[in-house]
Protein backbone atom coordinates (compact mmCIF):
# COMPACT_ATOMS: atom_id res chain seq x y z
CA MET A 1 0.00 0.00 0.00
CA PRO A 2 1.42 3.44 -0.91
CA LEU A 3 2.37 5.63 2.04
CA TYR A 4 -0.11 8.32 1.02
CA LYS A 5 -2.95 5.99 1.96
CA ASN A 6 -1.88 6.35 5.61
CA GLN A 7 -0.96 10.05 5.62
CA THR A 8 -3.16 13.17 5.78
CA LEU A 9 -1.46 15.97 3.91
CA LYS A 10 -2.49 19.62 4.37
CA ILE A 11 -1.39 22.38 1.99
CA TYR A 12 -1.88 26.13 2.30
CA ASN A 13 -4.00 27.26 -0.66
CA THR A 14 -3.43 30.89 -1.66
CA LEU A 15 -6.86 30.94 -3.30
CA SER A 16 -8.73 30.16 -0.06
CA GLY A 17 -6.18 31.57 2.38
CA ASP A 18 -6.33 28.36 4.46
CA LYS A 19 -4.59 25.05 4.91
CA GLU A 20 -6.67 22.41 3.21
CA ILE A 21 -6.59 18.62 3.25
CA PHE A 22 -5.02 17.68 -0.07
CA THR A 23 -7.01 15.27 -2.20
CA PRO A 24 -5.77 14.74 -5.77
CA ILE A 25 -8.28 15.07 -8.60
CA HIS A 26 -7.28 11.57 -9.74
CA ASP A 27 -6.55 9.08 -6.97
CA GLY A 28 -2.86 8.27 -6.68
CA ASN A 29 -1.90 10.81 -9.35
CA ILE A 30 -0.75 14.42 -8.99
CA GLY A 31 -0.39 17.10 -11.64
CA MET A 32 1.83 20.03 -10.59
CA TYR A 33 2.85 23.05 -12.66
CA VAL A 34 5.52 25.51 -11.51
CA CYS A 35 6.43 28.68 -13.39
CA GLY A 36 10.00 28.21 -14.51
CA PRO A 37 12.73 30.74 -15.28
CA THR A 38 12.70 33.54 -17.82
CA VAL A 39 16.02 32.70 -19.44
CA TYR A 40 17.42 36.12 -20.29
CA SER A 41 19.96 36.18 -17.42
CA ASN A 42 21.61 33.97 -14.78
CA VAL A 43 19.24 32.29 -12.35
CA HIS A 44 19.36 34.23 -9.07
CA LEU A 45 19.12 33.01 -5.47
CA GLY A 46 15.47 34.01 -5.11
CA ASN A 47 14.57 31.83 -8.10
CA LEU A 48 16.70 29.05 -6.68
CA ARG A 49 14.81 29.15 -3.40
CA THR A 50 11.43 28.84 -5.17
CA PHE A 51 12.55 25.94 -7.35
CA MET A 52 14.19 24.25 -4.35
CA SER A 53 10.93 24.40 -2.39
CA PHE A 54 9.05 22.69 -5.18
CA ASP A 55 11.87 20.19 -5.68
CA VAL A 56 11.34 19.09 -2.06
CA ILE A 57 7.56 18.99 -2.55
CA PHE A 58 8.02 16.88 -5.70
CA ARG A 59 10.38 14.56 -3.81
CA TYR A 60 7.87 14.13 -0.98
CA PHE A 61 5.06 13.25 -3.38
CA LEU A 62 7.29 10.60 -4.96
CA TYR A 63 8.25 9.29 -1.51
CA LEU A 64 4.57 8.95 -0.57
CA GLY A 65 4.01 6.88 -3.70
CA TYR A 66 2.08 9.33 -5.85
CA LYS A 67 2.54 9.13 -9.60
CA THR A 68 3.49 12.77 -10.10
CA ARG A 69 3.66 14.73 -13.33
CA TYR A 70 5.74 17.81 -12.55
CA VAL A 71 5.74 20.41 -15.31
CA ARG A 72 8.15 23.35 -15.02
CA ASN A 73 8.30 25.57 -18.07
CA ILE A 74 11.02 27.65 -19.70
CA THR A 75 9.90 31.18 -20.64
CA ASP A 76 11.93 31.95 -23.76
CA ALA A 77 9.71 34.55 -25.46
CA GLY A 78 7.17 37.25 -24.82
CA HIS A 79 8.01 38.20 -21.22
CA LEU A 80 6.97 41.86 -21.30
CA THR A 81 7.39 44.03 -18.22
CA ASP A 82 4.78 46.39 -19.68
CA ASP A 83 1.99 45.36 -22.05
CA GLY A 84 2.02 48.81 -23.63
CA ASN A 85 5.69 48.88 -24.64
CA ILE A 86 7.14 46.01 -26.66
CA GLU A 87 10.59 47.53 -26.28
CA ASN A 88 10.47 46.08 -22.75
CA ASP A 89 10.79 42.55 -24.14
CA ARG A 90 13.57 41.21 -21.92
CA PHE A 91 15.01 38.90 -24.56
CA VAL A 92 15.28 41.64 -27.16
CA LYS A 93 16.88 44.02 -24.63
CA GLN A 94 19.40 41.40 -23.51
CA SER A 95 20.24 40.36 -27.08
CA ARG A 96 21.11 43.97 -27.89
CA LEU A 97 23.16 44.30 -24.71
CA GLU A 98 25.17 41.13 -25.35
CA LYS A 99 25.15 41.48 -29.15
CA LEU A 100 23.66 38.02 -29.54
CA GLU A 101 20.63 36.61 -31.32
CA PRO A 102 17.70 36.27 -28.87
CA MET A 103 17.78 32.47 -29.11
CA GLU A 104 21.51 32.55 -28.33
CA VAL A 105 20.59 34.39 -25.14
CA VAL A 106 17.92 31.76 -24.44
CA GLN A 107 20.35 28.88 -24.97
CA LYS A 108 23.11 30.48 -22.89
CA TYR A 109 20.94 31.04 -19.84
CA THR A 110 18.94 27.81 -20.16
CA VAL A 111 22.23 25.91 -19.95
CA ASP A 112 23.24 28.03 -16.95
CA PHE A 113 19.91 27.30 -15.25
CA HIS A 114 20.30 23.54 -15.67
CA GLN A 115 23.92 23.56 -14.52
CA VAL A 116 23.08 25.51 -11.37
CA LEU A 117 20.16 23.24 -10.46
CA GLU A 118 22.31 20.16 -11.03
CA LYS A 119 24.91 21.58 -8.63
CA PHE A 120 22.22 21.82 -5.94
CA ASN A 121 20.97 18.26 -6.57
CA PHE A 122 17.56 19.07 -8.06
CA LEU A 123 15.47 16.35 -9.62
CA PRO A 124 14.52 17.22 -13.22
CA PRO A 125 10.83 17.91 -13.79
CA THR A 126 8.75 15.34 -15.63
CA ILE A 127 8.19 17.76 -18.52
CA GLU A 128 10.02 21.02 -19.26
CA PRO A 129 8.15 22.76 -22.10
CA THR A 130 9.20 26.03 -23.72
CA ALA A 131 6.97 28.93 -24.68
CA THR A 132 8.35 29.02 -28.24
CA GLY A 133 7.51 25.34 -28.64
CA HIS A 134 3.81 26.01 -28.02
CA ILE A 135 2.93 28.95 -30.28
CA ILE A 136 0.20 26.95 -32.08
CA GLU A 137 -1.54 26.07 -28.80
CA GLN A 138 -1.45 29.70 -27.72
CA ILE A 139 -2.96 30.92 -30.99
CA GLU A 140 -5.74 28.34 -30.64
CA LEU A 141 -6.55 29.57 -27.12
CA ILE A 142 -6.65 33.18 -28.31
CA GLU A 143 -9.03 32.27 -31.14
CA LYS A 144 -11.36 30.60 -28.63
CA LEU A 145 -11.26 33.60 -26.27
CA ILE A 146 -12.10 35.96 -29.14
CA ALA A 147 -14.91 33.70 -30.35
CA ASP A 148 -16.39 33.58 -26.83
CA GLY A 149 -16.19 37.35 -26.42
CA PHE A 150 -13.45 37.40 -23.76
CA ALA A 151 -10.80 38.99 -25.98
CA TYR A 152 -10.54 41.60 -28.71
CA GLU A 153 -8.09 42.42 -31.49
CA THR A 154 -6.76 45.91 -32.11
CA GLN A 155 -3.95 47.01 -34.43
CA GLY A 156 -2.58 43.48 -34.71
CA SER A 157 -2.55 42.86 -30.95
CA VAL A 158 -5.06 40.87 -28.89
CA TYR A 159 -6.09 41.68 -25.31
CA PHE A 160 -8.09 39.87 -22.66
CA ASP A 161 -11.21 41.91 -21.79
CA VAL A 162 -11.21 42.03 -17.97
CA PHE A 163 -14.33 44.24 -17.86
CA GLU A 164 -16.30 41.70 -19.95
CA TYR A 165 -14.98 38.87 -17.77
CA ASN A 166 -16.26 40.52 -14.60
CA LYS A 167 -19.53 41.56 -16.26
CA ARG A 168 -20.34 37.87 -16.73
CA GLY A 169 -20.15 37.28 -12.98
CA LEU A 170 -16.58 36.04 -12.94
CA ASN A 171 -14.09 37.52 -10.52
CA TYR A 172 -10.78 38.87 -11.79
CA GLY A 173 -8.78 39.50 -8.63
CA GLU A 174 -9.96 36.44 -6.65
CA LEU A 175 -6.48 34.98 -6.25
CA SER A 176 -4.75 38.17 -5.11
CA ASN A 177 -7.83 39.57 -3.28
CA ARG A 178 -7.94 42.74 -5.40
CA ASN A 179 -11.10 44.73 -5.94
CA VAL A 180 -10.94 45.29 -9.66
CA ASP A 181 -14.26 47.19 -9.76
CA GLU A 182 -12.66 49.97 -7.72
CA LEU A 183 -9.73 50.06 -10.13
CA PHE A 184 -12.16 50.36 -13.05
CA ALA A 185 -13.88 53.29 -11.37
CA ASN A 186 -10.59 55.14 -11.10
CA THR A 187 -9.08 54.32 -14.50
CA ARG A 188 -12.00 53.74 -16.89
CA ASP A 189 -11.28 56.71 -19.18
CA LEU A 190 -7.98 56.19 -21.00
CA ASP A 191 -8.41 59.09 -23.46
CA GLY A 192 -6.95 56.99 -26.25
CA GLN A 193 -3.60 56.64 -24.52
CA ASN A 194 -3.07 53.13 -25.88
CA GLU A 195 -4.83 50.38 -27.79
CA LYS A 196 -6.47 48.70 -24.77
CA LYS A 197 -10.12 49.25 -23.90
CA ASN A 198 -9.20 49.29 -20.20
CA SER A 199 -5.91 49.59 -18.37
CA GLN A 200 -6.56 46.28 -16.57
CA ASP A 201 -6.76 44.36 -19.87
CA PHE A 202 -3.67 42.26 -20.52
CA ALA A 203 -1.94 41.14 -23.71
CA LEU A 204 -2.59 37.73 -25.21
CA TRP A 205 -0.72 38.54 -28.42
CA LYS A 206 1.42 41.54 -29.33
CA ASN A 207 1.94 42.96 -32.79
CA ALA A 208 5.66 42.99 -33.58
CA SER A 209 7.25 46.20 -34.76
CA PRO A 210 9.55 45.99 -37.83
CA ALA A 211 12.58 46.03 -35.52
CA HIS A 212 11.27 43.24 -33.27
CA ILE A 213 13.31 40.06 -33.86
CA MET A 214 11.22 37.36 -32.13
CA ARG A 215 8.02 37.07 -34.17
CA TRP A 216 5.58 34.43 -35.44
CA LYS A 217 2.75 34.43 -37.97
CA SER A 218 -0.78 34.57 -36.60
CA PRO A 219 -4.33 35.42 -37.81
CA TRP A 220 -3.68 38.96 -36.52
CA GLY A 221 -0.35 39.48 -38.24
CA GLU A 222 3.21 38.79 -37.20
CA GLY A 223 3.78 39.07 -33.48
CA PHE A 224 4.55 37.17 -30.30
CA PRO A 225 2.56 35.74 -27.38
CA GLY A 226 1.75 37.35 -24.05
CA TRP A 227 3.59 35.99 -21.03
CA HIS A 228 0.45 34.95 -19.09
CA LEU A 229 -1.03 32.98 -21.97
CA GLU A 230 2.09 30.85 -22.37
CA CYS A 231 1.66 29.19 -18.98
CA THR A 232 -2.05 28.56 -19.52
CA ALA A 233 -1.30 26.85 -22.84
CA MET A 234 1.48 24.66 -21.47
CA SER A 235 -0.13 23.74 -18.15
CA THR A 236 -3.47 22.72 -19.65
CA LYS A 237 -1.85 20.80 -22.50
CA TYR A 238 0.09 18.52 -20.16
CA LEU A 239 -2.09 18.53 -17.04
CA GLY A 240 -5.62 19.09 -18.33
CA GLU A 241 -8.17 21.87 -17.97
CA ARG A 242 -8.14 21.42 -14.19
CA PHE A 243 -5.14 20.13 -12.26
CA ASP A 244 -3.95 19.77 -8.68
CA ILE A 245 -1.22 22.31 -7.93
CA HIS A 246 0.18 25.46 -9.51
CA GLY A 247 3.21 27.05 -7.85
CA GLY A 248 5.64 29.92 -8.12
CA GLY A 249 7.10 32.85 -6.24
CA MET A 250 4.75 35.24 -4.44
CA ASP A 251 5.77 37.98 -6.90
CA LEU A 252 3.89 36.05 -9.60
CA LYS A 253 0.57 36.04 -7.75
CA PHE A 254 -0.44 39.27 -9.47
CA PRO A 255 -0.72 39.78 -12.32
CA HIS A 256 0.72 36.57 -13.77
CA HIS A 257 -1.21 33.93 -11.84
CA GLU A 258 -4.32 36.08 -11.61
CA CYS A 259 -4.34 36.25 -15.40
CA GLU A 260 -3.89 32.48 -15.61
CA VAL A 261 -6.97 31.96 -13.46
CA ALA A 262 -9.00 34.26 -15.71
CA GLN A 263 -7.75 32.65 -18.92
CA GLY A 264 -8.48 29.15 -17.64
CA LYS A 265 -12.00 29.98 -16.48
CA ALA A 266 -12.80 31.90 -19.67
CA CYS A 267 -11.46 29.15 -21.96
CA ASN A 268 -12.77 26.08 -20.18
CA GLY A 269 -15.54 27.25 -17.87
CA THR A 270 -13.78 25.96 -14.76
CA THR A 271 -11.16 27.20 -12.34
CA PRO A 272 -7.92 25.70 -13.68
CA VAL A 273 -6.18 24.85 -10.41
CA ASN A 274 -7.29 23.28 -7.13
CA THR A 275 -4.36 24.48 -4.99
CA TRP A 276 -2.24 27.59 -5.59
CA MET A 277 1.11 27.63 -3.77
CA HIS A 278 3.46 30.61 -3.44
CA THR A 279 6.93 30.82 -1.96
CA ASN A 280 8.10 33.89 -0.05
CA MET A 281 11.04 36.14 -0.84
CA LEU A 282 14.72 35.79 0.00
CA THR A 283 16.74 38.60 1.60
CA MET A 284 20.45 38.96 2.36
CA ASN A 285 21.76 40.58 5.53
CA GLY A 286 18.23 41.75 6.28
CA LEU A 287 17.86 43.63 3.00
CA ARG A 288 16.11 42.87 -0.25
CA MET A 289 18.46 41.50 -2.89
CA SER A 290 18.88 43.99 -5.71
CA LYS A 291 21.45 44.63 -8.42
CA SER A 292 20.85 48.37 -8.18
CA THR A 293 21.83 48.53 -4.50
CA GLY A 294 24.70 46.06 -4.81
CA ASN A 295 23.12 43.70 -2.26
CA TYR A 296 23.17 40.87 -4.77
CA ILE A 297 24.91 37.53 -5.27
CA LEU A 298 24.51 34.65 -7.72
CA PRO A 299 24.30 31.00 -6.61
CA MET A 300 27.64 30.08 -8.19
CA GLU A 301 29.33 33.04 -6.47
CA LEU A 302 28.09 31.75 -3.14
CA ILE A 303 29.53 28.28 -3.61
CA SER A 304 32.77 29.47 -5.24
CA GLY A 305 33.50 32.04 -2.54
CA LYS A 306 34.05 34.74 -5.18
CA ASN A 307 32.01 37.45 -3.49
CA SER A 308 32.39 40.19 -0.88
CA PHE A 309 29.53 39.10 1.41
CA PHE A 310 30.68 35.75 2.80
CA GLU A 311 34.00 34.91 4.45
CA LYS A 312 34.37 31.55 2.68
CA LYS A 313 32.81 29.36 0.05
CA PHE A 314 29.98 27.02 0.98
CA GLN A 315 29.21 23.73 -0.67
CA PRO A 316 25.79 23.42 -2.36
CA ASN A 317 24.65 21.00 0.37
CA VAL A 318 25.12 23.68 3.02
CA VAL A 319 23.27 26.30 0.98
CA ARG A 320 20.41 23.88 0.41
CA PHE A 321 20.30 23.02 4.11
CA CYS A 322 20.26 26.72 5.02
CA PHE A 323 17.37 27.43 2.65
CA LEU A 324 15.27 24.54 3.96
CA GLN A 325 15.54 25.74 7.56
CA ALA A 326 12.93 28.36 6.69
CA HIS A 327 9.37 27.46 5.73
CA TYR A 328 8.66 28.07 2.06
CA ARG A 329 5.95 30.66 2.94
CA SER A 330 8.31 32.59 5.27
CA VAL A 331 10.89 35.20 4.34
CA LEU A 332 14.35 33.62 4.25
CA ASP A 333 17.31 35.82 5.21
CA ILE A 334 20.82 34.62 4.46
CA SER A 335 23.99 36.04 5.99
CA ASN A 336 27.53 34.98 6.74
CA GLU A 337 26.49 33.97 10.27
CA ALA A 338 23.48 32.00 9.00
CA MET A 339 25.59 30.12 6.48
CA LEU A 340 28.28 29.25 9.06
CA ALA A 341 25.60 28.01 11.48
CA SER A 342 24.00 25.94 8.70
CA GLU A 343 27.35 24.40 7.81
CA LYS A 344 27.96 23.44 11.44
CA GLY A 345 24.45 22.00 11.81
CA PHE A 346 24.58 20.08 8.54
CA PHE A 347 27.92 18.48 9.39
CA ARG A 348 26.55 17.55 12.82
CA LEU A 349 23.72 15.67 11.12
CA LEU A 350 26.16 13.86 8.84
CA GLU A 351 28.33 12.89 11.82
CA GLY A 352 25.24 11.31 13.37
CA VAL A 353 24.49 9.46 10.12
CA LYS A 354 28.03 8.05 10.11
CA LEU A 355 27.79 7.11 13.76
CA LEU A 356 24.54 5.29 13.07
CA GLU A 357 26.40 2.73 10.94
CA ASN A 358 27.99 1.18 14.06
CA ILE A 359 25.18 1.63 16.60
CA PRO A 360 24.61 -1.60 18.61
CA SER A 361 21.10 -3.03 18.90
CA ASN A 362 19.50 -4.21 22.14
CA THR A 363 16.56 -6.28 23.30
CA THR A 364 14.50 -3.18 24.10
CA SER A 365 14.10 0.38 22.84
CA SER A 366 14.13 3.11 25.45
CA PHE A 367 12.25 5.55 23.24
CA SER A 368 9.53 5.26 20.60
CA VAL A 369 11.10 5.20 17.15
CA ALA A 370 7.65 4.87 15.57
CA ASP A 371 6.51 8.12 17.19
CA TRP A 372 9.70 9.89 16.09
CA SER A 373 9.29 8.61 12.54
CA GLN A 374 5.68 9.77 12.47
CA SER A 375 6.71 13.21 13.75
CA CYS A 376 8.93 13.55 10.67
CA HIS A 377 5.98 12.67 8.43
CA ASP A 378 3.70 15.00 10.39
CA ALA A 379 6.04 17.92 9.76
CA MET A 380 5.97 17.41 6.01
CA ASN A 381 2.25 16.66 6.07
CA ASP A 382 1.70 20.08 7.66
CA ASP A 383 2.23 22.19 4.54
CA PHE A 384 5.76 20.81 3.95
CA ASN A 385 7.19 22.25 7.16
CA THR A 386 10.89 21.60 6.55
CA PRO A 387 12.10 23.61 9.63
CA ILE A 388 10.09 21.35 11.96
CA LEU A 389 11.28 18.29 10.03
CA ILE A 390 14.91 19.37 10.45
CA ALA A 391 14.34 19.95 14.18
CA ASN A 392 12.99 16.38 14.41
CA LEU A 393 16.04 15.04 12.55
CA PHE A 394 18.33 16.77 15.06
CA GLU A 395 16.27 15.19 17.85
CA GLY A 396 16.87 11.82 16.22
CA ILE A 397 20.62 12.45 16.03
CA LYS A 398 20.57 13.29 19.75
CA TYR A 399 19.21 9.77 20.38
CA VAL A 400 21.96 8.30 18.20
CA ASN A 401 24.60 9.96 20.38
CA LEU A 402 22.87 8.79 23.56
CA ILE A 403 22.71 5.21 22.27
CA ASN A 404 26.36 5.39 21.27
CA ASP A 405 27.25 6.57 24.80
CA GLY A 406 25.26 3.72 26.35
CA ASN A 407 22.53 5.96 27.80
CA GLU A 408 19.70 4.76 25.51
CA THR A 409 18.89 1.45 23.81
CA ILE A 410 17.26 0.41 20.52
CA THR A 411 16.11 -2.91 19.07
CA ALA A 412 17.31 -4.19 15.70
CA LYS A 413 13.81 -3.67 14.23
CA ASP A 414 13.61 -0.09 15.51
CA LEU A 415 17.15 0.57 14.31
CA ASP A 416 16.10 -0.41 10.78
CA LEU A 417 13.08 1.95 10.95
CA PHE A 418 15.20 4.73 12.40
CA THR A 419 17.88 4.38 9.72
CA GLN A 420 15.32 4.17 6.92
CA THR A 421 13.46 7.24 8.18
CA LEU A 422 16.61 9.31 8.68
CA HIS A 423 18.02 8.47 5.25
CA SER A 424 14.70 8.98 3.50
CA PHE A 425 14.03 12.43 4.91
CA LEU A 426 17.59 13.74 4.91
CA PHE A 427 18.69 12.51 1.50
CA ASP A 428 15.64 11.46 -0.57
CA ILE A 429 13.20 14.20 0.51
CA LEU A 430 15.36 17.17 1.54
CA GLY A 431 17.68 16.27 -1.33
CA LEU A 432 20.92 16.58 0.64
CA LYS A 433 24.02 14.55 -0.18
CA ASN A 434 26.43 12.79 2.17
CA GLU A 435 29.55 14.65 1.08
CA LYS A 436 31.06 15.98 4.30
CA ASP A 437 34.30 14.00 4.13
CA THR A 438 34.99 15.00 0.53
CA GLN A 439 34.34 18.67 1.28
CA HIS A 440 36.49 18.68 4.40
CA ASN A 441 39.36 16.90 2.63
CA ASN A 442 39.23 19.38 -0.25
CA GLU A 443 39.29 22.32 2.15
CA LYS A 444 42.22 20.82 4.08
CA LEU A 445 44.15 20.16 0.88
CA GLU A 446 43.51 23.70 -0.33
CA GLY A 447 44.72 25.09 3.00
CA VAL A 448 47.92 23.04 2.93
CA VAL A 449 48.74 24.00 -0.67
CA ASN A 450 48.09 27.69 0.03
CA LEU A 451 50.44 27.44 3.04
CA LEU A 452 53.16 25.94 0.82
CA ILE A 453 52.58 28.67 -1.77
CA LYS A 454 53.09 31.26 0.97
CA MET A 455 56.30 29.53 2.13
CA ARG A 456 57.52 29.44 -1.48
CA MET A 457 56.87 33.15 -1.89
CA GLU A 458 58.81 33.88 1.30
CA ALA A 459 61.71 31.70 0.06
CA ARG A 460 61.81 33.60 -3.23
CA ALA A 461 61.71 36.93 -1.40
CA ASN A 462 64.73 35.73 0.62
CA LYS A 463 66.42 34.61 -2.61
CA ASP A 464 66.30 31.00 -1.40
CA PHE A 465 65.53 29.72 -4.88
CA ALA A 466 66.55 26.17 -4.03
CA MET A 467 63.73 25.93 -1.45
CA SER A 468 61.31 27.64 -3.83
CA ASP A 469 62.07 25.14 -6.59
CA GLN A 470 61.91 22.20 -4.17
CA ILE A 471 58.38 23.15 -3.06
CA ARG A 472 57.26 23.55 -6.68
CA ASP A 473 58.84 20.29 -7.86
CA GLN A 474 57.56 18.17 -4.96
CA LEU A 475 54.04 19.50 -5.51
CA ILE A 476 54.32 18.55 -9.19
CA GLU A 477 55.29 15.01 -8.15
CA LEU A 478 52.07 14.90 -6.11
CA GLY A 479 50.06 16.04 -9.14
CA ILE A 480 49.64 19.66 -8.04
CA GLN A 481 50.66 22.21 -10.66
CA LEU A 482 51.49 25.78 -9.57
CA LYS A 483 50.92 28.71 -11.91
CA ASP A 484 52.50 32.10 -11.25
CA GLY A 485 50.58 35.12 -12.55
CA LYS A 486 50.30 38.88 -12.12
CA GLU A 487 47.76 38.47 -9.33
CA GLY A 488 49.63 35.72 -7.48
CA THR A 489 50.06 31.97 -7.60
CA THR A 490 47.23 29.55 -8.23
CA PHE A 491 47.21 25.76 -8.41
CA THR A 492 45.46 22.96 -10.26
CA ILE A 493 45.27 19.27 -9.36
CA GLN A 494 46.18 16.98 -12.25
């Protein structure tokens, strides 16, 4: 029997504002769509946090035995920051900046996205569709919306008619709790400022100017799709007109996800998603991360140590562990102190895992392993509460140390359950890897080589070239090649 048959899972639904008992539309099967990256630049830490949260959720569904179709798209066209100005197309702007074709920009940053996620031990989604690969589906949806009176064409562009949508008793604003009627009252008269009927209307298709590079043929002329429509087309194609979970960062709640709700209801006559999930923001040193203020760091800079915010480099495991110590709906703040504490805590867990390999069994257990195991499940069943789960794992490691010291006992059967539970939650569900020894050895090796480099520099300064050459040659014999440059000496391991 699958584990989910014995577990009651509750998920916070943004649409209702409450935790709800999760019941899949189709028994034993889950359809989950998460808005993926817009690949015009390197994936940033805030994105990483969102995708990491849903990676853990995906892992937990698989652990429970659900057959899960996880769709995470790639936005590679049509991401406008302003429906009224096609010059704000991020791909076109970046292609001009880097002097590359837009699809070169897409390829460059899609590869970067995959490489970063692989570093942090993400499972790949079941399906990873691209917006440019689903132009036909988007055109078909637009044609249906026009035919049903929910959209209108003007000057080669097509817009969703929010006023008409609300006039039919539907509720644009239900996801983000916005009163759109009040907005209409304040902004109804546009005095011909643009081609929309109302300022709240959003683009389904944009007419491409002669200078616009990314363009496709359509019944309304050459143009490109609206950002919101892309996700509706891809999610419904692979998950159906109504599916279980749609996720993303809280910054996407409005307008992006609000528009998806409206498009789904207008096209198919039903709300498209049962449960909407949104992750909270990430800050650094108590401040919002922003390129403009300089309070900004990329994931690879964090793990390479090439930054001015952190005193050392941190392995991806430690970063992942730090992120998961905050609930996905809470603000996560990272700092040098937080990363150092996470590193210490993570290594303490791994020391307990190693110690567990040689724990002796007894005829009795002095504590309830079944209750502890269930507490780990209960934490994840309560809206994927990874901080509580991690606290329970530390409690389990405390028992391991007590057993090792002879102050607690455990039966062979309970030891099997304990080991299985610990490994499942730490490695399979949280997605951490048992790499402490490798990391520590690498850091020790790096420290020793840097010390020898310093000694060599001092020997050369003292004109002791024999010692300098001896250090270099003996390192070469060990497979460590030194390279002297303008900015100092570096080394590579052959």
